[in-house]
ModelCIF file with pLDDT and N, C-alpha, C, O atoms, coordinates in Angstrom:
data_MODEL
#
_entry.id   MODEL 
#
_entity.id                         1 
_entity.type                       polymer 
_entity.pdbx_number_of_molecules   1 
#
_entity_poly.entity_id                      1 
_entity_poly.type                           'polypeptide(L)' 
_entity_poly.nstd_linkage                   no 
_entity_poly.nstd_monomer                   no 
_entity_poly.pdbx_seq_one_letter_code       MLFSRWPIASSRNLLLPRSRTYDKANLQRAALEGLIVT 
_entity_poly.pdbx_seq_one_letter_code_can   MLFSRWPIASSRNLLLPRSRTYDKANLQRAALEGLIVT 
_entity_poly.pdbx_strand_id                 A 
#
loop_
_entity_poly_seq.entity_id 
_entity_poly_seq.num 
_entity_poly_seq.mon_id 
_entity_poly_seq.hetero 
1 1  MET n 
1 2  LEU n 
1 3  PHE n 
1 4  SER n 
1 5  ARG n 
1 6  TRP n 
1 7  PRO n 
1 8  ILE n 
1 9  ALA n 
1 10 SER n 
1 11 SER n 
1 12 ARG n 
1 13 ASN n 
1 14 LEU n 
1 15 LEU n 
1 16 LEU n 
1 17 PRO n 
1 18 ARG n 
1 19 SER n 
1 20 ARG n 
1 21 THR n 
1 22 TYR n 
1 23 ASP n 
1 24 LYS n 
1 25 ALA n 
1 26 ASN n 
1 27 LEU n 
1 28 GLN n 
1 29 ARG n 
1 30 ALA n 
1 31 ALA n 
1 32 LEU n 
1 33 GLU n 
1 34 GLY n 
1 35 LEU n 
1 36 ILE n 
1 37 VAL n 
1 38 THR n 
#
_struct_asym.id          A 
_struct_asym.entity_id   1 
#
loop_
_ma_qa_metric.id 
_ma_qa_metric.mode 
_ma_qa_metric.name 
_ma_qa_metric.software_group_id 
_ma_qa_metric.type 
1 global pLDDT . pLDDT 
2 local  pLDDT . pLDDT 
#
_ma_qa_metric_global.metric_id      1 
_ma_qa_metric_global.metric_value   95.34 
_ma_qa_metric_global.model_id       1 
_ma_qa_metric_global.ordinal_id     1 
#
loop_
_ma_qa_metric_local.label_asym_id 
_ma_qa_metric_local.label_comp_id 
_ma_qa_metric_local.label_seq_id 
_ma_qa_metric_local.metric_id 
_ma_qa_metric_local.metric_value 
_ma_qa_metric_local.model_id 
_ma_qa_metric_local.ordinal_id 
A MET 1  2 98.00 1 1  
A LEU 2  2 98.00 1 2  
A PHE 3  2 98.00 1 3  
A SER 4  2 98.00 1 4  
A ARG 5  2 97.00 1 5  
A TRP 6  2 97.00 1 6  
A PRO 7  2 96.00 1 7  
A ILE 8  2 97.00 1 8  
A ALA 9  2 96.00 1 9  
A SER 10 2 96.00 1 10 
A SER 11 2 97.00 1 11 
A ARG 12 2 96.00 1 12 
A ASN 13 2 97.00 1 13 
A LEU 14 2 97.00 1 14 
A LEU 15 2 97.00 1 15 
A LEU 16 2 98.00 1 16 
A PRO 17 2 96.00 1 17 
A ARG 18 2 94.00 1 18 
A SER 19 2 92.00 1 19 
A ARG 20 2 92.00 1 20 
A THR 21 2 91.00 1 21 
A TYR 22 2 92.00 1 22 
A ASP 23 2 91.00 1 23 
A LYS 24 2 88.00 1 24 
A ALA 25 2 87.00 1 25 
A ASN 26 2 90.00 1 26 
A LEU 27 2 92.00 1 27 
A GLN 28 2 96.00 1 28 
A ARG 29 2 97.00 1 29 
A ALA 30 2 98.00 1 30 
A ALA 31 2 98.00 1 31 
A LEU 32 2 98.00 1 32 
A GLU 33 2 98.00 1 33 
A GLY 34 2 98.00 1 34 
A LEU 35 2 98.00 1 35 
A ILE 36 2 97.00 1 36 
A VAL 37 2 93.00 1 37 
A THR 38 2 94.00 1 38 
#
loop_
_atom_site.group_PDB 
_atom_site.id 
_atom_site.type_symbol 
_atom_site.label_atom_id 
_atom_site.label_alt_id 
_atom_site.label_comp_id 
_atom_site.label_asym_id 
_atom_site.label_entity_id 
_atom_site.label_seq_id 
_atom_site.pdbx_PDB_ins_code 
_atom_site.Cartn_x 
_atom_site.Cartn_y 
_atom_site.Cartn_z 
_atom_site.occupancy 
_atom_site.B_iso_or_equiv 
_atom_site.pdbx_formal_charge 
_atom_site.auth_seq_id 
_atom_site.auth_comp_id 
_atom_site.auth_asym_id 
_atom_site.auth_atom_id 
_atom_site.pdbx_PDB_model_num 
ATOM 1   N N  . MET A 1 1  ? 164.909 239.906 8.698  1.00 98.00 ? 1  MET A N  1 
ATOM 2   C CA . MET A 1 1  ? 165.135 241.294 9.320  1.00 98.00 ? 1  MET A CA 1 
ATOM 3   C C  . MET A 1 1  ? 165.066 242.189 8.306  1.00 98.00 ? 1  MET A C  1 
ATOM 4   O O  . MET A 1 1  ? 165.656 242.104 7.229  1.00 98.00 ? 1  MET A O  1 
ATOM 5   N N  . LEU A 1 2  ? 164.000 243.447 8.834  1.00 98.00 ? 2  LEU A N  1 
ATOM 6   C CA . LEU A 1 2  ? 164.098 244.470 8.244  1.00 98.00 ? 2  LEU A CA 1 
ATOM 7   C C  . LEU A 1 2  ? 164.061 245.534 9.364  1.00 98.00 ? 2  LEU A C  1 
ATOM 8   O O  . LEU A 1 2  ? 163.218 245.403 10.251 1.00 98.00 ? 2  LEU A O  1 
ATOM 9   N N  . PHE A 1 3  ? 164.930 246.592 9.386  1.00 98.00 ? 3  PHE A N  1 
ATOM 10  C CA . PHE A 1 3  ? 165.386 247.780 9.669  1.00 98.00 ? 3  PHE A CA 1 
ATOM 11  C C  . PHE A 1 3  ? 164.939 248.721 8.632  1.00 98.00 ? 3  PHE A C  1 
ATOM 12  O O  . PHE A 1 3  ? 165.010 248.480 7.427  1.00 98.00 ? 3  PHE A O  1 
ATOM 13  N N  . SER A 1 4  ? 164.360 250.072 9.274  1.00 98.00 ? 4  SER A N  1 
ATOM 14  C CA . SER A 1 4  ? 163.611 251.206 8.524  1.00 98.00 ? 4  SER A CA 1 
ATOM 15  C C  . SER A 1 4  ? 163.620 252.714 9.516  1.00 98.00 ? 4  SER A C  1 
ATOM 16  O O  . SER A 1 4  ? 163.045 252.928 10.583 1.00 98.00 ? 4  SER A O  1 
ATOM 17  N N  . ARG A 1 5  ? 164.305 253.412 8.882  1.00 97.00 ? 5  ARG A N  1 
ATOM 18  C CA . ARG A 1 5  ? 164.141 254.855 9.790  1.00 97.00 ? 5  ARG A CA 1 
ATOM 19  C C  . ARG A 1 5  ? 162.565 255.337 9.930  1.00 97.00 ? 5  ARG A C  1 
ATOM 20  O O  . ARG A 1 5  ? 162.278 256.301 10.639 1.00 97.00 ? 5  ARG A O  1 
ATOM 21  N N  . TRP A 1 6  ? 161.781 254.753 9.357  1.00 97.00 ? 6  TRP A N  1 
ATOM 22  C CA . TRP A 1 6  ? 160.550 255.684 9.392  1.00 97.00 ? 6  TRP A CA 1 
ATOM 23  C C  . TRP A 1 6  ? 159.734 253.806 10.202 1.00 97.00 ? 6  TRP A C  1 
ATOM 24  O O  . TRP A 1 6  ? 159.794 252.630 9.841  1.00 97.00 ? 6  TRP A O  1 
ATOM 25  N N  . PRO A 1 7  ? 159.251 254.352 11.060 1.00 96.00 ? 7  PRO A N  1 
ATOM 26  C CA . PRO A 1 7  ? 157.326 253.278 11.381 1.00 96.00 ? 7  PRO A CA 1 
ATOM 27  C C  . PRO A 1 7  ? 157.905 251.877 10.594 1.00 96.00 ? 7  PRO A C  1 
ATOM 28  O O  . PRO A 1 7  ? 158.939 251.837 9.928  1.00 96.00 ? 7  PRO A O  1 
ATOM 29  N N  . ILE A 1 8  ? 157.297 251.134 10.754 1.00 97.00 ? 8  ILE A N  1 
ATOM 30  C CA . ILE A 1 8  ? 157.345 250.020 9.866  1.00 97.00 ? 8  ILE A CA 1 
ATOM 31  C C  . ILE A 1 8  ? 155.355 249.624 10.547 1.00 97.00 ? 8  ILE A C  1 
ATOM 32  O O  . ILE A 1 8  ? 154.964 249.537 11.711 1.00 97.00 ? 8  ILE A O  1 
ATOM 33  N N  . ALA A 1 9  ? 155.021 249.563 9.996  1.00 96.00 ? 9  ALA A N  1 
ATOM 34  C CA . ALA A 1 9  ? 153.633 250.490 10.421 1.00 96.00 ? 9  ALA A CA 1 
ATOM 35  C C  . ALA A 1 9  ? 152.790 248.627 10.253 1.00 96.00 ? 9  ALA A C  1 
ATOM 36  O O  . ALA A 1 9  ? 151.729 248.545 10.873 1.00 96.00 ? 9  ALA A O  1 
ATOM 37  N N  . SER A 1 10 ? 153.290 247.145 9.401  1.00 96.00 ? 10 SER A N  1 
ATOM 38  C CA . SER A 1 10 ? 152.553 246.279 9.513  1.00 96.00 ? 10 SER A CA 1 
ATOM 39  C C  . SER A 1 10 ? 153.955 245.144 9.105  1.00 96.00 ? 10 SER A C  1 
ATOM 40  O O  . SER A 1 10 ? 155.018 245.289 8.502  1.00 96.00 ? 10 SER A O  1 
ATOM 41  N N  . SER A 1 11 ? 153.372 244.167 9.700  1.00 97.00 ? 11 SER A N  1 
ATOM 42  C CA . SER A 1 11 ? 154.626 243.279 8.780  1.00 97.00 ? 11 SER A CA 1 
ATOM 43  C C  . SER A 1 11 ? 153.906 241.668 9.331  1.00 97.00 ? 11 SER A C  1 
ATOM 44  O O  . SER A 1 11 ? 153.313 241.312 10.349 1.00 97.00 ? 11 SER A O  1 
ATOM 45  N N  . ARG A 1 12 ? 154.480 240.750 7.617  1.00 96.00 ? 12 ARG A N  1 
ATOM 46  C CA . ARG A 1 12 ? 153.912 239.296 7.695  1.00 96.00 ? 12 ARG A CA 1 
ATOM 47  C C  . ARG A 1 12 ? 155.003 238.670 7.263  1.00 96.00 ? 12 ARG A C  1 
ATOM 48  O O  . ARG A 1 12 ? 155.706 238.943 6.290  1.00 96.00 ? 12 ARG A O  1 
ATOM 49  N N  . ASN A 1 13 ? 155.133 237.563 8.272  1.00 97.00 ? 13 ASN A N  1 
ATOM 50  C CA . ASN A 1 13 ? 156.042 236.994 7.289  1.00 97.00 ? 13 ASN A CA 1 
ATOM 51  C C  . ASN A 1 13 ? 155.247 235.668 6.638  1.00 97.00 ? 13 ASN A C  1 
ATOM 52  O O  . ASN A 1 13 ? 154.368 234.936 7.092  1.00 97.00 ? 13 ASN A O  1 
ATOM 53  N N  . LEU A 1 14 ? 156.205 235.713 4.940  1.00 97.00 ? 14 LEU A N  1 
ATOM 54  C CA . LEU A 1 14 ? 155.580 234.702 4.470  1.00 97.00 ? 14 LEU A CA 1 
ATOM 55  C C  . LEU A 1 14 ? 156.300 233.747 4.350  1.00 97.00 ? 14 LEU A C  1 
ATOM 56  O O  . LEU A 1 14 ? 157.467 234.017 4.065  1.00 97.00 ? 14 LEU A O  1 
ATOM 57  N N  . LEU A 1 15 ? 155.963 232.393 4.496  1.00 97.00 ? 15 LEU A N  1 
ATOM 58  C CA . LEU A 1 15 ? 156.588 231.270 3.956  1.00 97.00 ? 15 LEU A CA 1 
ATOM 59  C C  . LEU A 1 15 ? 156.833 230.721 3.293  1.00 97.00 ? 15 LEU A C  1 
ATOM 60  O O  . LEU A 1 15 ? 155.836 230.148 2.854  1.00 97.00 ? 15 LEU A O  1 
ATOM 61  N N  . LEU A 1 16 ? 158.034 230.338 2.625  1.00 98.00 ? 16 LEU A N  1 
ATOM 62  C CA . LEU A 1 16 ? 157.786 229.936 1.072  1.00 98.00 ? 16 LEU A CA 1 
ATOM 63  C C  . LEU A 1 16 ? 157.929 228.502 0.954  1.00 98.00 ? 16 LEU A C  1 
ATOM 64  O O  . LEU A 1 16 ? 158.455 227.831 1.842  1.00 98.00 ? 16 LEU A O  1 
ATOM 65  N N  . PRO A 1 17 ? 157.528 228.071 0.005  1.00 96.00 ? 17 PRO A N  1 
ATOM 66  C CA . PRO A 1 17 ? 157.717 226.559 -0.732 1.00 96.00 ? 17 PRO A CA 1 
ATOM 67  C C  . PRO A 1 17 ? 158.488 225.512 -0.282 1.00 96.00 ? 17 PRO A C  1 
ATOM 68  O O  . PRO A 1 17 ? 159.667 225.746 -0.549 1.00 96.00 ? 17 PRO A O  1 
ATOM 69  N N  . ARG A 1 18 ? 158.376 224.690 0.161  1.00 94.00 ? 18 ARG A N  1 
ATOM 70  C CA . ARG A 1 18 ? 159.813 223.522 0.166  1.00 94.00 ? 18 ARG A CA 1 
ATOM 71  C C  . ARG A 1 18 ? 159.595 222.638 -0.248 1.00 94.00 ? 18 ARG A C  1 
ATOM 72  O O  . ARG A 1 18 ? 158.565 222.377 -0.870 1.00 94.00 ? 18 ARG A O  1 
ATOM 73  N N  . SER A 1 19 ? 160.846 221.635 0.059  1.00 92.00 ? 19 SER A N  1 
ATOM 74  C CA . SER A 1 19 ? 160.368 219.891 -0.830 1.00 92.00 ? 19 SER A CA 1 
ATOM 75  C C  . SER A 1 19 ? 161.375 219.396 0.370  1.00 92.00 ? 19 SER A C  1 
ATOM 76  O O  . SER A 1 19 ? 162.259 220.110 0.841  1.00 92.00 ? 19 SER A O  1 
ATOM 77  N N  . ARG A 1 20 ? 161.161 218.383 0.682  1.00 92.00 ? 20 ARG A N  1 
ATOM 78  C CA . ARG A 1 20 ? 161.673 217.441 1.690  1.00 92.00 ? 20 ARG A CA 1 
ATOM 79  C C  . ARG A 1 20 ? 162.971 216.714 1.409  1.00 92.00 ? 20 ARG A C  1 
ATOM 80  O O  . ARG A 1 20 ? 162.980 215.920 0.468  1.00 92.00 ? 20 ARG A O  1 
ATOM 81  N N  . THR A 1 21 ? 164.197 216.924 2.209  1.00 91.00 ? 21 THR A N  1 
ATOM 82  C CA . THR A 1 21 ? 165.672 216.398 1.885  1.00 91.00 ? 21 THR A CA 1 
ATOM 83  C C  . THR A 1 21 ? 165.789 215.346 2.593  1.00 91.00 ? 21 THR A C  1 
ATOM 84  O O  . THR A 1 21 ? 165.178 215.053 3.620  1.00 91.00 ? 21 THR A O  1 
ATOM 85  N N  . TYR A 1 22 ? 167.009 214.466 1.742  1.00 92.00 ? 22 TYR A N  1 
ATOM 86  C CA . TYR A 1 22 ? 167.214 213.442 2.895  1.00 92.00 ? 22 TYR A CA 1 
ATOM 87  C C  . TYR A 1 22 ? 168.398 213.227 3.357  1.00 92.00 ? 22 TYR A C  1 
ATOM 88  O O  . TYR A 1 22 ? 168.813 212.699 4.389  1.00 92.00 ? 22 TYR A O  1 
ATOM 89  N N  . ASP A 1 23 ? 169.310 214.111 1.690  1.00 91.00 ? 23 ASP A N  1 
ATOM 90  C CA . ASP A 1 23 ? 171.262 214.257 2.056  1.00 91.00 ? 23 ASP A CA 1 
ATOM 91  C C  . ASP A 1 23 ? 171.289 215.497 2.788  1.00 91.00 ? 23 ASP A C  1 
ATOM 92  O O  . ASP A 1 23 ? 171.804 215.304 3.889  1.00 91.00 ? 23 ASP A O  1 
ATOM 93  N N  . LYS A 1 24 ? 170.987 216.531 2.638  1.00 88.00 ? 24 LYS A N  1 
ATOM 94  C CA . LYS A 1 24 ? 170.858 217.904 3.146  1.00 88.00 ? 24 LYS A CA 1 
ATOM 95  C C  . LYS A 1 24 ? 170.120 218.774 3.706  1.00 88.00 ? 24 LYS A C  1 
ATOM 96  O O  . LYS A 1 24 ? 168.932 218.972 3.453  1.00 88.00 ? 24 LYS A O  1 
ATOM 97  N N  . ALA A 1 25 ? 170.892 219.429 4.622  1.00 87.00 ? 25 ALA A N  1 
ATOM 98  C CA . ALA A 1 25 ? 169.569 219.912 5.426  1.00 87.00 ? 25 ALA A CA 1 
ATOM 99  C C  . ALA A 1 25 ? 169.342 221.358 4.163  1.00 87.00 ? 25 ALA A C  1 
ATOM 100 O O  . ALA A 1 25 ? 170.064 221.956 3.365  1.00 87.00 ? 25 ALA A O  1 
ATOM 101 N N  . ASN A 1 26 ? 167.392 221.427 4.760  1.00 90.00 ? 26 ASN A N  1 
ATOM 102 C CA . ASN A 1 26 ? 167.018 222.394 3.656  1.00 90.00 ? 26 ASN A CA 1 
ATOM 103 C C  . ASN A 1 26 ? 166.269 222.604 5.108  1.00 90.00 ? 26 ASN A C  1 
ATOM 104 O O  . ASN A 1 26 ? 165.565 221.889 5.821  1.00 90.00 ? 26 ASN A O  1 
ATOM 105 N N  . LEU A 1 27 ? 166.727 223.807 5.176  1.00 92.00 ? 27 LEU A N  1 
ATOM 106 C CA . LEU A 1 27 ? 165.605 225.095 6.220  1.00 92.00 ? 27 LEU A CA 1 
ATOM 107 C C  . LEU A 1 27 ? 164.728 225.087 5.811  1.00 92.00 ? 27 LEU A C  1 
ATOM 108 O O  . LEU A 1 27 ? 164.508 224.247 4.938  1.00 92.00 ? 27 LEU A O  1 
ATOM 109 N N  . GLN A 1 28 ? 163.585 226.127 6.247  1.00 96.00 ? 28 GLN A N  1 
ATOM 110 C CA . GLN A 1 28 ? 162.322 226.654 5.893  1.00 96.00 ? 28 GLN A CA 1 
ATOM 111 C C  . GLN A 1 28 ? 162.510 228.039 5.286  1.00 96.00 ? 28 GLN A C  1 
ATOM 112 O O  . GLN A 1 28 ? 162.926 228.917 6.042  1.00 96.00 ? 28 GLN A O  1 
ATOM 113 N N  . ARG A 1 29 ? 162.250 228.347 3.991  1.00 97.00 ? 29 ARG A N  1 
ATOM 114 C CA . ARG A 1 29 ? 162.795 229.846 4.449  1.00 97.00 ? 29 ARG A CA 1 
ATOM 115 C C  . ARG A 1 29 ? 161.719 230.784 4.239  1.00 97.00 ? 29 ARG A C  1 
ATOM 116 O O  . ARG A 1 29 ? 160.563 230.361 4.243  1.00 97.00 ? 29 ARG A O  1 
ATOM 117 N N  . ALA A 1 30 ? 161.918 231.784 4.091  1.00 98.00 ? 30 ALA A N  1 
ATOM 118 C CA . ALA A 1 30 ? 160.593 233.144 3.903  1.00 98.00 ? 30 ALA A CA 1 
ATOM 119 C C  . ALA A 1 30 ? 160.833 234.421 3.411  1.00 98.00 ? 30 ALA A C  1 
ATOM 120 O O  . ALA A 1 30 ? 161.912 234.995 3.266  1.00 98.00 ? 30 ALA A O  1 
ATOM 121 N N  . ALA A 1 31 ? 159.496 234.871 3.125  1.00 98.00 ? 31 ALA A N  1 
ATOM 122 C CA . ALA A 1 31 ? 160.154 236.248 2.606  1.00 98.00 ? 31 ALA A CA 1 
ATOM 123 C C  . ALA A 1 31 ? 159.433 237.666 3.730  1.00 98.00 ? 31 ALA A C  1 
ATOM 124 O O  . ALA A 1 31 ? 158.290 237.991 3.406  1.00 98.00 ? 31 ALA A O  1 
ATOM 125 N N  . LEU A 1 32 ? 159.947 238.320 4.753  1.00 98.00 ? 32 LEU A N  1 
ATOM 126 C CA . LEU A 1 32 ? 159.611 239.074 5.736  1.00 98.00 ? 32 LEU A CA 1 
ATOM 127 C C  . LEU A 1 32 ? 159.114 240.478 4.961  1.00 98.00 ? 32 LEU A C  1 
ATOM 128 O O  . LEU A 1 32 ? 159.891 241.246 4.394  1.00 98.00 ? 32 LEU A O  1 
ATOM 129 N N  . GLU A 1 33 ? 157.565 240.670 5.058  1.00 98.00 ? 33 GLU A N  1 
ATOM 130 C CA . GLU A 1 33 ? 157.131 241.853 4.804  1.00 98.00 ? 33 GLU A CA 1 
ATOM 131 C C  . GLU A 1 33 ? 156.939 242.723 5.248  1.00 98.00 ? 33 GLU A C  1 
ATOM 132 O O  . GLU A 1 33 ? 156.356 242.543 6.317  1.00 98.00 ? 33 GLU A O  1 
ATOM 133 N N  . GLY A 1 34 ? 157.188 244.161 4.924  1.00 98.00 ? 34 GLY A N  1 
ATOM 134 C CA . GLY A 1 34 ? 157.223 245.467 6.100  1.00 98.00 ? 34 GLY A CA 1 
ATOM 135 C C  . GLY A 1 34 ? 156.643 246.417 5.433  1.00 98.00 ? 34 GLY A C  1 
ATOM 136 O O  . GLY A 1 34 ? 157.284 246.944 4.525  1.00 98.00 ? 34 GLY A O  1 
ATOM 137 N N  . LEU A 1 35 ? 155.367 246.838 5.706  1.00 98.00 ? 35 LEU A N  1 
ATOM 138 C CA . LEU A 1 35 ? 154.299 247.762 5.160  1.00 98.00 ? 35 LEU A CA 1 
ATOM 139 C C  . LEU A 1 35 ? 154.878 249.252 5.855  1.00 98.00 ? 35 LEU A C  1 
ATOM 140 O O  . LEU A 1 35 ? 154.507 249.501 7.002  1.00 98.00 ? 35 LEU A O  1 
ATOM 141 N N  . ILE A 1 36 ? 155.887 250.338 5.069  1.00 97.00 ? 36 ILE A N  1 
ATOM 142 C CA . ILE A 1 36 ? 156.058 251.578 5.400  1.00 97.00 ? 36 ILE A CA 1 
ATOM 143 C C  . ILE A 1 36 ? 156.002 252.696 5.033  1.00 97.00 ? 36 ILE A C  1 
ATOM 144 O O  . ILE A 1 36 ? 156.327 252.806 3.851  1.00 97.00 ? 36 ILE A O  1 
ATOM 145 N N  . VAL A 1 37 ? 155.783 253.433 5.423  1.00 93.00 ? 37 VAL A N  1 
ATOM 146 C CA . VAL A 1 37 ? 155.347 255.195 5.239  1.00 93.00 ? 37 VAL A CA 1 
ATOM 147 C C  . VAL A 1 37 ? 156.435 255.656 4.853  1.00 93.00 ? 37 VAL A C  1 
ATOM 148 O O  . VAL A 1 37 ? 157.105 256.064 5.801  1.00 93.00 ? 37 VAL A O  1 
ATOM 149 N N  . THR A 1 38 ? 157.121 255.824 3.446  1.00 94.00 ? 38 THR A N  1 
ATOM 150 C CA . THR A 1 38 ? 157.987 256.603 3.593  1.00 94.00 ? 38 THR A CA 1 
ATOM 151 C C  . THR A 1 38 ? 157.841 258.140 2.477  1.00 94.00 ? 38 THR A C  1 
ATOM 152 O O  . THR A 1 38 ? 158.689 259.029 2.538  1.00 94.00 ? 38 THR A O  1 
#
């Protein structure tokens, strides 16, 4: 999540590369991008 005192003009969820696992949980990770006029 992103929170801002100023409006978040736009956002994108950037999915990050991952590899398949068999012995331990590996959840998809991401970077949430927010364009904020500060």
